[in-house]
Protein backbone atom coordinates (compact mmCIF):
# COMPACT_ATOMS: atom_id res chain seq x y z
CA MET A 1 0.19 -0.15 -0.31
CA THR A 2 1.21 3.25 -0.78
CA LYS A 3 2.28 5.56 2.39
CA PRO A 4 -0.16 8.56 2.59
CA SER A 5 0.95 11.40 2.10
CA LEU A 6 -0.11 15.56 1.54
CA PRO A 7 -0.03 17.48 -1.33
CA GLN A 8 3.01 19.66 -1.37
CA GLY A 9 2.50 22.94 -0.53
CA THR A 10 -0.27 22.11 2.33
CA ARG A 11 0.00 20.94 5.82
CA ASP A 12 -2.04 19.00 9.06
CA PHE A 13 -2.54 21.60 11.82
CA GLY A 14 -2.67 19.09 15.14
CA PRO A 15 -4.07 20.52 18.08
CA ASP A 16 -1.23 22.26 19.75
CA VAL A 17 -1.19 24.20 16.46
CA VAL A 18 -4.80 24.78 16.19
CA ARG A 19 -4.85 26.57 20.07
CA LYS A 20 -2.19 28.42 18.77
CA ARG A 21 -3.77 29.72 15.07
CA ASN A 22 -7.22 30.08 17.00
CA TYR A 23 -5.41 32.63 19.27
CA ILE A 24 -3.85 34.41 16.45
CA PHE A 25 -7.26 34.24 14.76
CA ASN A 26 -9.45 35.88 17.95
CA THR A 27 -7.04 38.67 18.82
CA ILE A 28 -7.49 39.70 14.97
CA ARG A 29 -11.17 39.23 14.75
CA ASN A 30 -11.30 41.14 17.93
CA VAL A 31 -9.49 43.87 16.92
CA PHE A 32 -11.27 43.95 13.80
CA GLU A 33 -14.54 44.57 15.74
CA LEU A 34 -13.32 47.16 17.90
CA TYR A 35 -13.02 48.54 14.83
CA GLY A 36 -16.56 48.40 12.86
CA PHE A 37 -16.03 45.50 10.86
CA GLN A 38 -18.46 43.09 10.22
CA PRO A 39 -17.87 39.64 9.32
CA LEU A 40 -17.95 37.76 6.18
CA GLU A 41 -17.60 34.66 3.84
CA THR A 42 -16.91 33.91 0.48
CA PRO A 43 -16.95 30.26 -1.51
CA ALA A 44 -13.32 28.23 -1.55
CA MET A 45 -14.33 28.50 -5.75
CA GLU A 46 -14.98 31.39 -8.21
CA ASN A 47 -15.95 31.57 -11.68
CA LEU A 48 -12.50 31.34 -13.46
CA ASP A 49 -13.69 34.75 -15.34
CA THR A 50 -14.20 36.59 -11.85
CA LEU A 51 -10.47 35.67 -11.11
CA MET A 52 -8.17 35.86 -14.28
CA GLY A 53 -7.06 39.02 -15.23
CA LYS A 54 -7.32 41.19 -11.38
CA TYR A 55 -3.29 40.14 -10.22
CA GLY A 56 -1.19 40.63 -13.34
CA GLU A 57 0.53 38.27 -15.67
CA GLU A 58 2.25 36.80 -12.59
CA GLY A 59 -0.45 35.88 -10.42
CA ASP A 60 -2.84 34.79 -12.91
CA LYS A 61 0.46 32.19 -12.74
CA LEU A 62 -0.36 31.07 -9.41
CA ILE A 63 -4.36 30.25 -9.89
CA PHE A 64 -5.35 27.10 -8.96
CA LYS A 65 -7.83 25.96 -11.62
CA ILE A 66 -10.50 23.52 -11.36
CA LEU A 67 -11.01 20.53 -13.26
CA ASN A 68 -15.00 20.31 -14.36
CA ASN A 69 -16.63 17.41 -13.25
CA GLY A 70 -17.61 14.36 -15.91
CA LEU A 71 -14.55 14.36 -17.84
CA ASP A 72 -14.80 10.73 -18.05
CA ASN A 73 -17.72 10.56 -20.39
CA ALA A 74 -16.60 8.32 -23.27
CA ASP A 75 -18.80 10.55 -25.77
CA LYS A 76 -16.85 13.57 -25.52
CA GLU A 77 -13.30 11.92 -25.06
CA LYS A 78 -12.08 13.41 -28.42
CA GLN A 79 -13.12 16.75 -27.27
CA ILE A 80 -11.66 16.65 -24.06
CA ARG A 81 -7.82 15.30 -25.16
CA GLU A 82 -7.99 18.08 -27.61
CA ASP A 83 -9.24 20.52 -24.82
CA PHE A 84 -6.60 19.00 -22.41
CA GLU A 85 -3.89 20.25 -25.23
CA LYS A 86 -5.17 23.88 -24.85
CA VAL A 87 -4.80 23.81 -21.65
CA LEU A 88 -1.02 22.34 -21.89
CA GLN A 89 -0.89 24.77 -23.70
CA GLY A 90 -1.52 27.30 -21.17
CA LYS A 91 -4.67 28.51 -22.49
CA ASN A 92 -8.17 28.59 -20.33
CA VAL A 93 -10.84 26.17 -21.77
CA LYS A 94 -14.75 26.35 -20.60
CA GLY A 95 -14.48 22.60 -21.04
CA ILE A 96 -11.79 21.83 -19.02
CA THR A 97 -12.28 24.39 -16.43
CA GLU A 98 -14.76 27.03 -15.92
CA ARG A 99 -13.58 27.78 -11.97
CA ALA A 100 -10.77 28.27 -9.52
CA LEU A 101 -9.94 28.31 -6.04
CA LYS A 102 -10.01 31.68 -4.64
CA TYR A 103 -6.56 33.64 -4.74
CA ASP A 104 -7.00 36.63 -2.31
CA LEU A 105 -10.18 37.65 -0.29
CA THR A 106 -10.38 41.32 -2.15
CA ILE A 107 -11.49 40.10 -5.46
CA PRO A 108 -14.05 37.77 -4.29
CA PHE A 109 -14.91 40.60 -1.90
CA ALA A 110 -15.08 43.01 -4.55
CA ARG A 111 -17.54 40.37 -6.40
CA TYR A 112 -19.91 40.01 -3.86
CA VAL A 113 -19.92 44.18 -3.16
CA ALA A 114 -20.38 44.08 -7.25
CA ILE A 115 -24.04 41.42 -6.87
CA ASN A 116 -25.08 42.83 -3.26
CA HIS A 117 -24.62 46.71 -3.69
CA ASN A 118 -27.95 48.00 -3.42
CA GLN A 119 -28.11 45.91 -0.43
CA LEU A 120 -25.22 47.36 1.13
CA SER A 121 -25.07 50.63 3.38
CA PHE A 122 -22.18 52.57 2.52
CA PRO A 123 -19.73 52.87 3.71
CA PHE A 124 -19.25 48.96 4.39
CA LYS A 125 -16.79 47.85 6.72
CA ARG A 126 -16.42 43.85 6.17
CA TYR A 127 -13.89 41.28 7.70
CA GLN A 128 -12.99 37.79 6.17
CA ILE A 129 -10.91 34.88 7.98
CA GLN A 130 -10.72 32.05 5.05
CA PRO A 131 -8.08 30.16 3.32
CA VAL A 132 -6.72 31.14 -0.24
CA TRP A 133 -4.90 28.76 -2.57
CA ARG A 134 -1.71 30.05 -4.78
CA ALA A 135 0.20 27.34 -7.06
CA ASP A 136 3.49 28.94 -5.56
CA ARG A 137 6.73 27.26 -4.58
CA PRO A 138 6.37 26.15 -1.37
CA GLN A 139 9.26 27.35 0.73
CA LYS A 140 9.51 28.50 4.69
CA GLY A 141 6.90 30.93 4.96
CA ARG A 142 5.27 30.54 1.57
CA TYR A 143 2.72 27.89 1.46
CA ARG A 144 -0.04 27.01 -1.58
CA GLU A 145 -2.93 26.56 0.95
CA PHE A 146 -3.05 29.60 3.93
CA TYR A 147 -5.26 31.55 5.49
CA GLN A 148 -5.95 35.50 5.05
CA CYS A 149 -7.50 37.65 7.60
CA ASP A 150 -8.91 40.85 5.70
CA ALA A 151 -10.28 43.87 6.91
CA ASP A 152 -11.53 46.43 3.70
CA VAL A 153 -13.86 49.65 3.77
CA VAL A 154 -15.82 49.97 0.59
CA GLY A 155 -17.73 53.36 -0.25
CA SER A 156 -15.63 55.97 0.97
CA ASN A 157 -12.76 58.16 -0.05
CA SER A 158 -11.98 59.35 3.36
CA LEU A 159 -8.00 58.67 4.23
CA LEU A 160 -9.20 58.40 7.95
CA ASN A 161 -9.77 54.51 6.45
CA GLU A 162 -6.29 54.11 5.69
CA ALA A 163 -5.02 56.21 9.45
CA GLU A 164 -7.49 53.34 11.16
CA LEU A 165 -6.07 50.61 9.17
CA ALA A 166 -2.73 51.18 10.43
CA LEU A 167 -3.66 51.61 13.88
CA ILE A 168 -5.27 47.94 13.39
CA TYR A 169 -1.62 46.68 12.25
CA HIS A 170 -0.30 48.28 15.37
CA GLN A 171 -2.90 47.29 17.66
CA VAL A 172 -2.83 43.49 17.00
CA PHE A 173 0.85 43.38 16.73
CA THR A 174 1.14 44.87 20.23
CA GLN A 175 -1.66 42.30 21.44
CA LEU A 176 0.03 39.21 20.15
CA GLY A 177 3.80 40.76 21.28
CA ILE A 178 5.12 41.26 18.02
CA LYS A 179 7.41 44.37 19.10
CA ASN A 180 9.72 44.78 16.26
CA TYR A 181 7.28 45.26 13.73
CA GLU A 182 7.42 47.99 11.00
CA VAL A 183 4.78 48.83 8.66
CA LYS A 184 5.78 50.11 5.05
CA ILE A 185 3.77 52.65 3.29
CA ASN A 186 3.86 54.06 -0.42
CA HIS A 187 1.74 55.48 -2.98
CA ARG A 188 0.74 54.14 -6.27
CA LYS A 189 0.17 57.22 -7.73
CA ILE A 190 3.73 57.75 -7.18
CA LEU A 191 5.20 54.56 -9.06
CA THR A 192 2.48 56.20 -11.77
CA ALA A 193 4.46 59.21 -11.94
CA LEU A 194 7.86 57.15 -11.58
CA ALA A 195 6.50 55.62 -15.26
CA GLU A 196 5.17 59.00 -16.91
CA LEU A 197 8.99 60.00 -16.26
CA CYS A 198 10.21 56.89 -18.00
CA GLY A 199 7.90 57.06 -21.09
CA GLY A 200 4.26 56.41 -20.24
CA ALA A 201 1.73 55.59 -17.35
CA GLU A 202 1.31 52.60 -19.09
CA LYS A 203 4.40 51.11 -17.87
CA MET A 204 3.64 51.61 -14.21
CA ASN A 205 2.91 47.75 -14.01
CA GLU A 206 6.18 46.83 -15.46
CA ILE A 207 8.25 49.05 -13.49
CA ALA A 208 6.20 48.33 -10.13
CA ILE A 209 7.13 44.31 -10.61
CA ALA A 210 10.55 45.19 -11.46
CA ILE A 211 11.37 47.19 -8.42
CA ASP A 212 9.10 45.06 -6.21
CA LYS A 213 11.81 42.61 -6.28
CA LEU A 214 14.50 45.35 -5.04
CA ASP A 215 15.66 43.70 -2.08
CA LYS A 216 16.19 40.19 -3.53
CA ILE A 217 17.86 40.75 -6.71
CA GLY A 218 19.16 44.19 -6.28
CA VAL A 219 19.39 47.41 -8.25
CA GLU A 220 21.11 46.35 -11.27
CA LYS A 221 19.29 43.38 -12.07
CA VAL A 222 16.17 45.39 -11.84
CA LYS A 223 17.84 47.46 -14.35
CA ASP A 224 18.33 44.75 -16.21
CA GLU A 225 14.96 43.65 -16.60
CA LEU A 226 13.57 47.31 -16.81
CA LYS A 227 16.24 47.54 -19.77
CA GLN A 228 14.15 44.45 -21.20
CA LYS A 229 11.32 46.26 -21.07
CA GLY A 230 12.46 48.85 -23.35
CA LEU A 231 13.49 51.36 -20.99
CA ASN A 232 16.31 53.35 -22.49
CA GLU A 233 19.52 54.77 -20.66
CA ASN A 234 18.07 57.83 -19.67
CA GLN A 235 15.08 56.21 -17.93
CA LEU A 236 17.16 53.99 -16.17
CA THR A 237 19.22 56.99 -14.78
CA VAL A 238 15.47 58.33 -13.66
CA VAL A 239 14.18 54.93 -11.79
CA GLU A 240 17.77 54.39 -10.63
CA ARG A 241 17.59 57.79 -8.48
CA TYR A 242 14.32 57.04 -7.55
CA LEU A 243 15.48 53.82 -5.76
CA ALA A 244 18.20 55.73 -3.97
CA VAL A 245 15.77 57.84 -2.10
CA GLU A 246 16.69 57.44 1.77
CA GLY A 247 16.56 59.19 4.79
CA ASN A 248 13.72 60.08 7.02
CA ASN A 249 10.10 59.86 6.56
CA SER A 250 10.44 63.62 6.18
CA GLU A 251 13.65 63.99 3.87
CA LYS A 252 12.43 61.17 1.65
CA MET A 253 9.11 62.79 1.18
CA ASP A 254 11.51 66.05 -0.16
CA ALA A 255 13.59 64.14 -2.50
CA LEU A 256 10.63 62.44 -3.84
CA ASN A 257 8.98 65.97 -4.38
CA THR A 258 11.84 66.75 -6.49
CA LEU A 259 11.93 63.98 -8.75
CA ILE A 260 8.25 63.26 -9.41
CA GLY A 261 6.56 66.23 -7.85
CA THR A 262 6.26 68.15 -11.43
CA THR A 263 3.59 65.70 -12.19
CA GLU A 264 0.15 65.35 -11.06
CA SER A 265 0.17 62.04 -9.95
CA GLY A 266 3.47 62.65 -7.78
CA ARG A 267 1.82 65.50 -6.04
CA LYS A 268 -1.49 63.92 -5.52
CA GLY A 269 0.79 60.84 -3.94
CA ILE A 270 2.50 63.02 -1.94
CA GLU A 271 -0.17 64.87 -0.74
CA ASP A 272 -2.18 62.11 0.51
CA LEU A 273 1.20 60.40 2.54
CA LYS A 274 1.41 63.90 4.07
CA GLU A 275 -1.86 63.74 5.37
CA ILE A 276 -1.36 60.80 6.66
CA PHE A 277 2.29 61.11 7.93
CA ASN A 278 0.79 64.30 10.11
CA ASN A 279 -2.34 62.34 11.76
CA PRO A 280 -1.33 62.70 15.08
CA HIS A 281 -2.92 59.04 16.36
CA LEU A 282 -0.32 57.71 14.28
CA SER A 283 2.97 58.57 15.96
CA SER A 284 3.07 55.42 18.10
CA ILE A 285 3.24 53.48 15.16
CA SER A 286 6.39 52.13 13.83
CA TYR A 287 6.14 52.80 10.05
CA GLN A 288 8.49 54.36 7.05
CA LEU A 289 7.99 55.57 3.70
CA ASP A 290 9.27 53.02 1.24
CA PRO A 291 9.57 54.23 -2.45
CA THR A 292 10.39 51.19 -3.81
CA LEU A 293 7.48 49.21 -2.18
CA ALA A 294 5.08 48.60 -5.23
CA ARG A 295 2.48 45.78 -4.16
CA GLY A 296 2.45 43.79 -7.56
CA LEU A 297 -0.75 43.77 -7.81
CA ASN A 298 -2.60 45.56 -11.10
CA TYR A 299 -5.87 46.88 -8.93
CA TYR A 300 -4.02 48.97 -6.25
CA THR A 301 -4.34 53.08 -6.83
CA GLY A 302 -3.75 55.02 -3.88
CA ILE A 303 -1.82 54.05 -0.75
CA ILE A 304 -0.19 51.02 -0.41
CA PHE A 305 0.97 48.82 3.06
CA GLU A 306 3.54 46.36 3.89
CA ALA A 307 4.15 45.00 7.23
CA LYS A 308 7.04 43.14 8.27
CA ALA A 309 8.05 41.58 11.44
CA SER A 310 12.00 42.73 13.16
CA GLU A 311 15.01 41.66 11.07
CA GLU A 312 16.00 38.83 13.42
CA VAL A 313 13.01 37.08 11.93
CA LYS A 314 13.75 36.58 8.01
CA ILE A 315 10.39 35.58 6.93
CA GLY A 316 9.16 38.52 4.47
CA SER A 317 5.84 40.71 4.98
CA ILE A 318 3.31 39.34 7.73
CA GLY A 319 0.87 41.52 5.86
CA GLY A 320 0.01 43.99 3.29
CA GLY A 321 -2.60 46.07 1.57
CA GLY A 322 -3.57 48.97 -0.18
CA ARG A 323 -6.32 51.61 -1.48
CA TYR A 324 -8.32 50.07 -5.14
CA ASP A 325 -10.38 52.99 -5.73
CA ASP A 326 -12.43 51.43 -8.72
CA LEU A 327 -12.61 47.54 -7.87
CA THR A 328 -15.89 46.93 -8.24
CA GLY A 329 -15.79 48.00 -11.86
CA LEU A 330 -14.41 45.22 -12.74
CA PHE A 331 -17.37 43.65 -12.48
CA GLY A 332 -19.56 46.63 -13.81
CA VAL A 333 -20.05 48.47 -10.85
CA PRO A 334 -18.40 51.36 -11.15
CA ASN A 335 -17.20 54.20 -8.67
CA ILE A 336 -17.32 52.31 -5.31
CA PRO A 337 -13.93 53.20 -3.94
CA GLY A 338 -12.11 50.79 -1.27
CA VAL A 339 -8.95 50.22 0.73
CA GLY A 340 -8.44 47.17 3.08
CA ILE A 341 -4.94 45.46 4.49
CA SER A 342 -4.64 41.40 5.09
CA PHE A 343 -2.63 39.70 7.53
CA GLY A 344 -0.76 36.45 6.54
CA VAL A 345 -1.66 34.37 9.33
CA ASP A 346 0.91 31.61 8.58
CA ARG A 347 3.76 34.31 8.69
CA ILE A 348 2.81 35.43 11.93
CA TYR A 349 2.40 32.15 13.59
CA ASP A 350 5.91 31.19 12.13
CA VAL A 351 7.25 34.65 13.86
CA MET A 352 5.52 34.04 17.29
CA GLU A 353 7.01 30.46 17.14
CA GLU A 354 10.80 31.73 16.62
CA LEU A 355 10.55 34.36 19.18
CA ASN A 356 8.53 32.34 21.69
CA LEU A 357 5.51 34.75 21.81
CA PHE A 358 2.80 32.42 22.75
CA PRO A 359 1.37 32.17 26.15
CA ASP A 360 1.92 29.58 28.43
CA ASP A 361 -1.88 28.39 28.75
CA VAL A 362 -2.87 28.38 24.66
CA HIS A 363 -2.49 24.92 25.12
CA VAL A 364 -5.03 24.55 27.49
CA GLY A 365 -8.43 22.91 25.81
CA THR A 366 -9.66 20.85 29.02
CA GLN A 367 -9.75 22.31 32.04
CA ILE A 368 -9.98 19.98 34.97
CA LEU A 369 -9.64 15.82 34.66
CA PHE A 370 -11.74 13.37 36.67
CA PHE A 371 -10.14 10.32 37.75
CA ASN A 372 -12.09 7.27 37.08
CA LEU A 373 -11.23 5.43 40.07
CA GLY A 374 -14.38 2.87 39.49
CA GLU A 375 -18.21 2.51 38.83
CA ASN A 376 -19.66 4.40 41.41
CA GLU A 377 -17.19 6.54 41.50
CA SER A 378 -17.20 7.43 37.90
CA LYS A 379 -20.99 7.82 37.88
CA ALA A 380 -20.91 10.66 41.04
CA ALA A 381 -17.71 11.92 38.94
CA PHE A 382 -20.00 11.92 35.81
CA THR A 383 -22.77 14.23 37.33
CA ILE A 384 -20.45 16.56 39.15
CA MET A 385 -18.89 16.71 35.24
CA GLN A 386 -21.92 17.83 33.77
CA GLN A 387 -22.73 20.49 36.19
CA LEU A 388 -19.48 22.07 35.69
CA ARG A 389 -20.06 22.07 31.95
CA ASN A 390 -23.03 23.94 32.57
CA LYS A 391 -20.94 26.40 33.93
CA ASN A 392 -18.52 26.75 31.18
CA ILE A 393 -15.76 25.12 32.57
CA ARG A 394 -14.07 22.37 30.33
CA CYS A 395 -13.83 19.19 31.55
CA GLU A 396 -13.36 15.34 30.92
CA LEU A 397 -13.59 11.99 32.64
CA TYR A 398 -10.64 9.64 31.97
CA HIS A 399 -12.67 6.66 29.69
CA GLU A 400 -11.14 3.44 32.16
CA ASN A 401 -10.53 2.81 35.63
CA VAL A 402 -6.59 2.52 35.40
CA LYS A 403 -3.74 2.98 37.64
CA PHE A 404 -3.29 6.51 38.52
CA ASP A 405 -0.05 6.75 37.34
CA LYS A 406 -1.35 6.23 33.54
CA GLN A 407 -4.27 8.66 34.15
CA PHE A 408 -1.85 11.60 35.72
CA LYS A 409 0.13 10.98 32.49
CA TYR A 410 -2.58 11.70 30.51
CA ALA A 411 -3.45 15.02 32.10
CA GLU A 412 0.05 16.12 31.73
CA LYS A 413 0.06 15.16 28.00
CA LYS A 414 -2.50 17.16 27.39
CA ASN A 415 -1.40 20.31 29.42
CA ILE A 416 -4.62 19.75 31.76
CA PRO A 417 -3.88 22.05 34.85
CA TYR A 418 -6.05 20.62 37.42
CA VAL A 419 -7.38 16.70 38.21
CA ILE A 420 -10.17 16.00 40.69
CA ILE A 421 -10.36 12.80 42.53
CA ILE A 422 -13.72 11.09 43.86
CA GLY A 423 -12.51 7.80 45.51
CA SER A 424 -14.57 5.84 47.85
CA LYS A 425 -13.79 7.71 50.58
CA GLU A 426 -14.39 11.04 49.16
CA LEU A 427 -17.46 9.66 47.74
CA GLU A 428 -18.92 8.37 51.09
CA GLU A 429 -17.80 11.68 52.72
CA ASN A 430 -19.52 13.63 49.61
CA THR A 431 -15.74 15.37 49.24
CA CYS A 432 -13.25 15.29 46.38
CA THR A 433 -9.83 16.25 45.85
CA ILE A 434 -8.29 18.96 44.03
CA LYS A 435 -5.06 18.73 42.51
CA ASN A 436 -3.03 21.39 40.82
CA LEU A 437 -0.77 20.36 38.69
CA LEU A 438 0.91 23.64 37.67
CA GLN A 439 1.61 24.87 40.96
CA ASN A 440 1.83 20.95 42.44
CA SER A 441 -0.93 21.43 45.03
CA GLN A 442 -3.83 19.66 46.42
CA GLN A 443 -7.02 20.47 48.63
CA THR A 444 -9.79 18.41 49.95
CA ILE A 445 -13.24 20.19 49.79
CA SER A 446 -16.99 19.47 49.46
CA GLN A 447 -18.60 18.72 46.15
CA GLN A 448 -20.70 21.64 46.26
CA GLU A 449 -17.77 23.38 46.84
CA LEU A 450 -16.43 22.40 43.62
CA LEU A 451 -19.36 23.93 42.05
CA ASN A 452 -17.99 27.32 42.69
CA TYR A 453 -14.34 27.01 42.82
CA ASP A 454 -12.20 29.44 41.13
CA PHE A 455 -10.46 27.56 38.54
């Protein structure tokens, strides 16, 4: 028999890992709720034409397409073979696939808004915590199936939304104990202005994709890539000057103003960034202007974000997002502006694991284990256990009457902090013995007192 295995880039999660992940999910969810966001879920799969063409050429390559069912129909075998040949050539064939696993949560959200815009109250603030899929090359911090936690606001042009989203990053990371984080900010209109100085705004996506790789490949290879895209030496010099912008936020702003401030796009981008930087409520946030931040997705139009953990954890971004002022226009419903951010839960998990940031009690599921000391004793324990469960105290009864040592080991392996013993003596006296395994202490109390015990 073939040894069972997992698809590459996917993982099983045991109880300990799920509890840690739920700690992250619950922290993020609670902060989203604090800021007035409402929950939403969309299907795991979307129609292929909903997703294709929305993420740029690079993103389209990473979309997991789903084969149509009924492909074993013998009457269609010849057509199926021909269609498969087209698929292998990189073409989309509806006879083979009409649907795909969702690549992110933003495009499905835009599709939802486009369908339901007449029923929604704007601005509409939603959060979404669901898995997404990408046909990427698996590596540390990069998986083919992973969760995203998104918060988006649609129906508002106010930059107060961007300020709140930056504060959400700060509040979540602070509550998770990730102190040495950094939020990078840029503006897509600044990149548009750079493209206008390099031959035309239509080159913006090519330039953005290239400079987004700066940290990985360096300046010279970025220039080589852009040279292959048709930029001349003068234009490459402009790009190089742009990539050389450095200093604090104010100094970078001045340098950008000198370089691109003569264009309308450049002025607008700088103006929006100044409003964000001048917001007094953001003074506590660790953020910086990063002109090289591009966010390679086509749909961004305004301020863009990227969150990274400290340099001691080499894992890349743990969050990102930005403004997309006409995403619903892709679905025939124009003029609904939006802005949103996303948390990369899988990478956040890896950061917290590496920095040992999870609280000690995150593994605690069952709070109390009742020992099984015989038929009559276990019946009494079961009755008390149900009363405690009605008080939302998580407890269980060991499944069989065995030696103490085996039952203690079970409690230790499951990180159960309390053990309750009701033996023949306790049954006769209507008492119980409570053992606190964390403090290595014990006491005997009445069974009635147990129902009000502070666990």
